[in-house]
Protein backbone atom coordinates (compact mmCIF):
# COMPACT_ATOMS: atom_id res chain seq x y z
CA UNK A 1 63.90 -69.75 10.96
CA UNK A 2 62.86 -72.67 8.82
CA UNK A 3 61.09 -71.94 5.81
CA UNK A 4 58.18 -74.22 4.66
CA UNK A 5 58.13 -76.11 1.30
CA UNK A 6 55.19 -76.21 -1.03
CA UNK A 7 53.76 -79.30 0.23
CA UNK A 8 53.97 -77.65 4.09
CA UNK A 9 56.94 -80.13 5.09
CA UNK A 10 60.27 -78.68 6.69
CA UNK A 11 62.83 -77.79 4.66
CA UNK A 12 66.30 -79.03 6.19
CA UNK A 13 68.15 -76.48 8.03
CA UNK A 14 71.15 -77.45 5.67
CA UNK A 15 69.17 -76.26 2.74
CA UNK A 16 68.43 -72.79 4.25
CA UNK A 17 71.98 -72.49 5.27
CA UNK A 18 72.99 -73.03 1.67
CA UNK A 19 70.49 -70.77 0.33
CA UNK A 20 71.84 -68.03 2.51
CA UNK A 21 75.34 -68.74 1.29
CA UNK A 22 75.08 -69.33 -2.41
CA UNK A 23 71.82 -67.06 -3.27
CA UNK A 24 71.82 -63.98 -0.81
CA UNK A 25 75.50 -62.83 -1.79
CA UNK A 26 74.21 -62.24 -5.37
CA UNK A 27 70.85 -60.92 -5.26
CA UNK A 28 72.33 -57.10 -5.73
CA UNK A 29 73.98 -58.42 -8.95
CA UNK A 30 70.37 -60.35 -9.84
CA UNK A 31 68.28 -57.19 -9.44
CA UNK A 32 70.72 -55.19 -11.30
CA UNK A 33 70.42 -57.48 -14.25
CA UNK A 34 66.38 -57.81 -13.88
CA UNK A 35 66.47 -53.92 -13.85
CA UNK A 36 68.35 -53.97 -17.07
CA UNK A 37 66.26 -56.68 -18.55
CA UNK A 38 62.80 -55.30 -17.47
CA UNK A 39 63.93 -51.37 -17.18
CA UNK A 40 61.86 -50.68 -14.27
CA UNK A 41 62.70 -50.76 -10.38
CA UNK A 42 59.31 -52.19 -9.40
CA UNK A 43 59.11 -54.99 -12.06
CA UNK A 44 62.91 -55.88 -11.28
CA UNK A 45 62.09 -56.52 -7.54
CA UNK A 46 58.85 -58.66 -8.65
CA UNK A 47 61.49 -60.67 -10.82
CA UNK A 48 63.99 -61.05 -8.13
CA UNK A 49 61.34 -62.14 -5.77
CA UNK A 50 60.39 -64.90 -8.18
CA UNK A 51 63.63 -65.61 -8.94
CA UNK A 52 64.47 -66.15 -5.13
CA UNK A 53 61.58 -68.39 -4.76
CA UNK A 54 62.82 -70.67 -7.63
CA UNK A 55 66.56 -70.47 -6.23
CA UNK A 56 65.10 -71.67 -2.91
CA UNK A 57 63.12 -74.63 -4.38
CA UNK A 58 66.13 -75.59 -6.39
CA UNK A 59 68.69 -75.16 -3.83
CA UNK A 60 68.88 -79.06 -3.19
CA UNK A 61 69.81 -79.41 -6.70
CA UNK A 62 72.53 -76.98 -6.91
CA UNK A 63 75.67 -78.99 -8.01
CA UNK A 64 78.36 -76.69 -7.48
CA UNK A 65 80.09 -74.25 -10.06
CA UNK A 66 79.78 -70.52 -10.10
CA UNK A 67 77.03 -69.64 -7.57
CA UNK A 68 76.84 -66.21 -9.11
CA UNK A 69 76.31 -67.57 -12.45
CA UNK A 70 73.61 -70.04 -11.05
CA UNK A 71 71.91 -67.04 -9.47
CA UNK A 72 72.07 -64.96 -12.48
CA UNK A 73 70.80 -67.63 -14.65
CA UNK A 74 67.64 -67.96 -12.43
CA UNK A 75 67.19 -64.12 -12.61
CA UNK A 76 67.60 -64.08 -16.23
CA UNK A 77 64.88 -66.95 -16.46
CA UNK A 78 62.45 -65.28 -14.18
CA UNK A 79 62.93 -61.77 -16.10
CA UNK A 80 62.14 -63.27 -19.40
CA UNK A 81 59.41 -65.35 -17.99
CA UNK A 82 57.89 -62.15 -16.68
CA UNK A 83 58.52 -60.19 -19.89
CA UNK A 84 56.65 -62.69 -21.68
CA UNK A 85 53.73 -62.66 -19.33
CA UNK A 86 53.84 -58.88 -18.84
CA UNK A 87 54.93 -57.26 -22.06
CA UNK A 88 54.75 -59.77 -24.82
CA UNK A 89 56.01 -58.43 -28.04
CA UNK A 90 57.61 -55.09 -26.40
CA UNK A 91 61.23 -54.40 -26.67
CA UNK A 92 62.51 -53.22 -23.06
CA UNK A 93 64.03 -50.20 -22.60
CA UNK A 94 65.93 -48.96 -19.68
CA UNK A 95 64.49 -45.73 -17.82
CA UNK A 96 66.99 -44.96 -15.68
CA UNK A 97 70.32 -46.55 -14.41
CA UNK A 98 71.22 -46.33 -10.63
CA UNK A 99 74.52 -47.88 -11.44
CA UNK A 100 75.35 -44.89 -14.01
CA UNK A 101 74.09 -42.32 -11.89
CA UNK A 102 76.06 -43.47 -8.72
CA UNK A 103 79.14 -43.74 -10.94
CA UNK A 104 78.92 -40.10 -12.17
CA UNK A 105 81.15 -38.94 -9.12
CA UNK A 106 83.97 -41.50 -10.28
CA UNK A 107 86.44 -41.15 -13.04
CA UNK A 108 86.96 -44.02 -15.56
CA UNK A 109 88.88 -45.97 -13.72
CA UNK A 110 86.59 -45.99 -10.82
CA UNK A 111 88.14 -43.69 -8.50
CA UNK A 112 86.65 -40.75 -7.08
CA UNK A 113 86.58 -37.75 -9.22
CA UNK A 114 88.90 -34.99 -8.24
CA UNK A 115 87.94 -32.28 -6.01
CA UNK A 116 89.02 -29.69 -8.39
CA UNK A 117 86.47 -30.72 -11.18
CA UNK A 118 84.63 -27.98 -12.62
CA UNK A 119 80.76 -27.74 -12.74
CA UNK A 120 81.09 -28.10 -16.71
CA UNK A 121 83.25 -31.12 -16.58
CA UNK A 122 80.65 -32.62 -14.32
CA UNK A 123 77.72 -31.81 -16.77
CA UNK A 124 79.73 -33.08 -19.70
CA UNK A 125 80.55 -36.35 -17.71
CA UNK A 126 76.65 -36.76 -16.71
CA UNK A 127 75.50 -35.92 -20.40
CA UNK A 128 78.11 -38.61 -21.50
CA UNK A 129 76.88 -40.97 -18.97
CA UNK A 130 73.10 -40.39 -20.15
CA UNK A 131 74.28 -40.81 -23.75
CA UNK A 132 75.98 -44.17 -22.75
CA UNK A 133 72.90 -45.29 -20.73
CA UNK A 134 70.29 -44.58 -23.82
CA UNK A 135 72.77 -46.33 -26.43
CA UNK A 136 72.73 -49.45 -24.29
CA UNK A 137 69.07 -49.37 -23.73
CA UNK A 138 69.02 -49.19 -27.44
CA UNK A 139 70.67 -52.51 -27.94
CA UNK A 140 68.88 -55.54 -28.95
CA UNK A 141 68.12 -57.42 -25.82
CA UNK A 142 70.69 -60.40 -26.06
CA UNK A 143 73.24 -57.88 -26.96
CA UNK A 144 72.41 -55.62 -24.04
CA UNK A 145 72.28 -58.80 -21.92
CA UNK A 146 75.79 -59.74 -22.79
CA UNK A 147 76.84 -56.47 -22.42
CA UNK A 148 75.72 -55.80 -18.92
CA UNK A 149 76.67 -59.38 -17.82
CA UNK A 150 80.21 -58.63 -18.80
CA UNK A 151 80.81 -54.83 -18.37
CA UNK A 152 78.78 -54.46 -15.49
CA UNK A 153 79.01 -57.42 -13.37
CA UNK A 154 82.44 -58.60 -14.65
CA UNK A 155 81.19 -62.13 -15.67
CA UNK A 156 83.72 -64.16 -17.70
CA UNK A 157 82.67 -65.15 -21.24
CA UNK A 158 82.13 -69.10 -19.82
CA UNK A 159 80.12 -67.84 -17.35
CA UNK A 160 78.01 -65.47 -19.53
CA UNK A 161 77.64 -68.40 -21.81
CA UNK A 162 76.31 -70.25 -18.80
CA UNK A 163 73.92 -67.78 -17.59
CA UNK A 164 72.59 -67.04 -21.35
CA UNK A 165 72.76 -70.62 -22.45
CA UNK A 166 74.59 -69.85 -25.81
CA UNK A 167 78.23 -70.92 -26.68
CA UNK A 168 81.06 -68.95 -25.70
CA UNK A 169 81.56 -68.18 -29.32
CA UNK A 170 78.10 -66.60 -29.39
CA UNK A 171 78.97 -64.49 -26.31
CA UNK A 172 82.02 -63.12 -28.10
CA UNK A 173 80.34 -62.09 -31.01
CA UNK A 174 77.37 -60.62 -29.02
CA UNK A 175 79.90 -58.62 -27.39
CA UNK A 176 81.59 -57.18 -29.98
CA UNK A 177 78.59 -56.40 -32.15
CA UNK A 178 77.04 -54.69 -28.91
CA UNK A 179 80.20 -52.57 -28.40
CA UNK A 180 80.52 -51.55 -32.21
CA UNK A 181 76.71 -50.68 -32.13
CA UNK A 182 77.62 -48.51 -28.82
CA UNK A 183 80.71 -47.20 -30.49
CA UNK A 184 78.61 -46.21 -33.84
CA UNK A 185 75.78 -44.67 -31.82
CA UNK A 186 77.67 -42.44 -29.27
CA UNK A 187 80.03 -41.30 -31.99
CA UNK A 188 77.29 -40.10 -34.45
CA UNK A 189 76.03 -38.16 -31.44
CA UNK A 190 79.17 -36.25 -31.08
CA UNK A 191 79.46 -32.90 -32.49
């Protein structure tokens, strides 16, 4: 299926193939980032839809490098544009995080939780996950963004720098400060 460009001309089949191979594999990560930035599933869907349009229009100019970082950069810009337009001056909080919810049945290494886990242990794990989620949501957006890109999406420091448009040293500083804030916040919530 060929898409139509903004001027009605047919877009080359090569661009469509390129879009499918470069952008589509990273849409789930893009949605997760948009979800973290907007704090809402529906808003994140709107952001990703806009990002897809932007990526498709720009696919001819993609010069190589990390496709994941390229797509996440577009999603990030679309999210911040959406936030400026729809929530000017409002800090965005995460309402609930599917990744944390789905991760409750796994141990710290990501392996399935043992079958012998007690209901009490599961409840404690759920409370810990909720506390972590709330602490991440309370981080200032630049710190939250760096933390999510590194620890949730697994991007390298260089890729995060590319996505956010800041030097690698700034990425490292933001991550360190975000992690210190998380430790401080979670540590003060403990009995």
